[in-house]
Protein backbone atom coordinates (compact mmCIF):
# COMPACT_ATOMS: atom_id res chain seq x y z
CA MET A 1 -87.19 14.08 183.25
CA GLY A 2 -86.31 13.17 186.42
CA SER A 3 -86.70 11.65 189.55
CA GLY A 4 -86.61 14.88 191.32
CA LYS A 5 -83.20 14.86 193.18
CA GLY A 6 -82.04 18.48 192.06
CA LYS A 7 -85.42 19.55 193.22
CA GLU A 8 -84.73 18.10 196.28
CA ARG A 9 -80.85 19.11 196.68
CA PHE A 10 -81.94 22.88 195.44
CA ASN A 11 -84.51 22.95 198.70
CA ALA A 12 -82.08 21.67 201.05
CA ILE A 13 -79.83 24.39 199.85
CA GLY A 14 -81.99 26.90 199.54
CA ASP A 15 -83.14 25.90 203.64
CA GLU A 16 -79.92 25.99 204.48
CA MET A 17 -78.61 29.89 202.94
CA SER A 18 -81.92 31.31 204.52
CA SER A 19 -80.95 30.61 208.06
CA GLU A 20 -77.01 31.96 207.67
CA PHE A 21 -75.87 35.44 206.43
CA ASP A 22 -75.11 34.91 202.66
CA PRO A 23 -72.60 37.95 201.54
CA LEU A 24 -73.13 37.43 198.01
CA THR A 25 -76.81 37.60 198.91
CA ALA A 26 -76.18 41.04 200.84
CA ALA A 27 -73.78 42.16 198.70
CA LEU A 28 -76.15 41.83 194.90
CA ARG A 29 -78.89 43.40 197.28
CA GLN A 30 -76.51 46.26 197.86
CA MET A 31 -75.88 47.00 194.40
CA HIS A 32 -79.72 46.72 193.04
CA ASP A 33 -80.25 49.33 195.63
CA SER A 34 -77.51 51.32 194.65
CA VAL A 35 -78.52 51.14 191.26
CA ALA A 36 -82.54 51.52 191.20
CA ASN A 37 -82.11 55.13 193.16
CA GLU A 38 -79.34 56.35 190.56
CA PRO A 39 -81.28 58.96 188.61
CA ILE A 40 -83.04 58.66 185.57
CA PRO A 41 -80.41 60.69 183.16
CA ASP A 42 -82.01 63.43 181.05
CA ASP A 43 -81.06 61.43 177.62
CA PHE A 44 -83.61 59.16 178.83
CA LEU A 45 -86.33 61.61 179.70
CA ASP A 46 -85.78 62.93 176.92
CA LEU A 47 -86.44 59.86 174.62
CA LEU A 48 -89.52 58.85 176.44
CA ASP A 49 -91.12 62.88 175.87
CA MET A 50 -90.72 62.29 172.98
CA ILE A 51 -92.44 58.53 172.19
CA ASP A 52 -95.00 60.33 174.61
CA ALA A 53 -95.57 63.10 171.56
CA LYS A 54 -95.64 60.52 169.06
CA MET A 55 -97.82 58.48 170.68
CA ALA A 56 -100.09 61.21 171.20
CA ALA A 57 -99.97 62.58 168.35
CA SER A 58 -100.71 58.93 166.72
CA LYS A 59 -103.88 58.56 168.67
CA LYS A 60 -104.83 62.10 167.58
CA PHE A 61 -105.65 60.39 163.72
CA GLU A 62 -107.49 57.41 164.89
């Protein structure tokens, strides 16, 4: 498939990036954290409750 040159370059880039501040990585981490900390919308919680109720009802008939 390949000689491994691409992998060697990737490792070299990865090693280089880990020793320096990367603004792109920092921005992506900040965006992820802000999304992960958002509250779950009520509509989505209602949907999960409906799914749980249907699953519980189907288990009663088993």
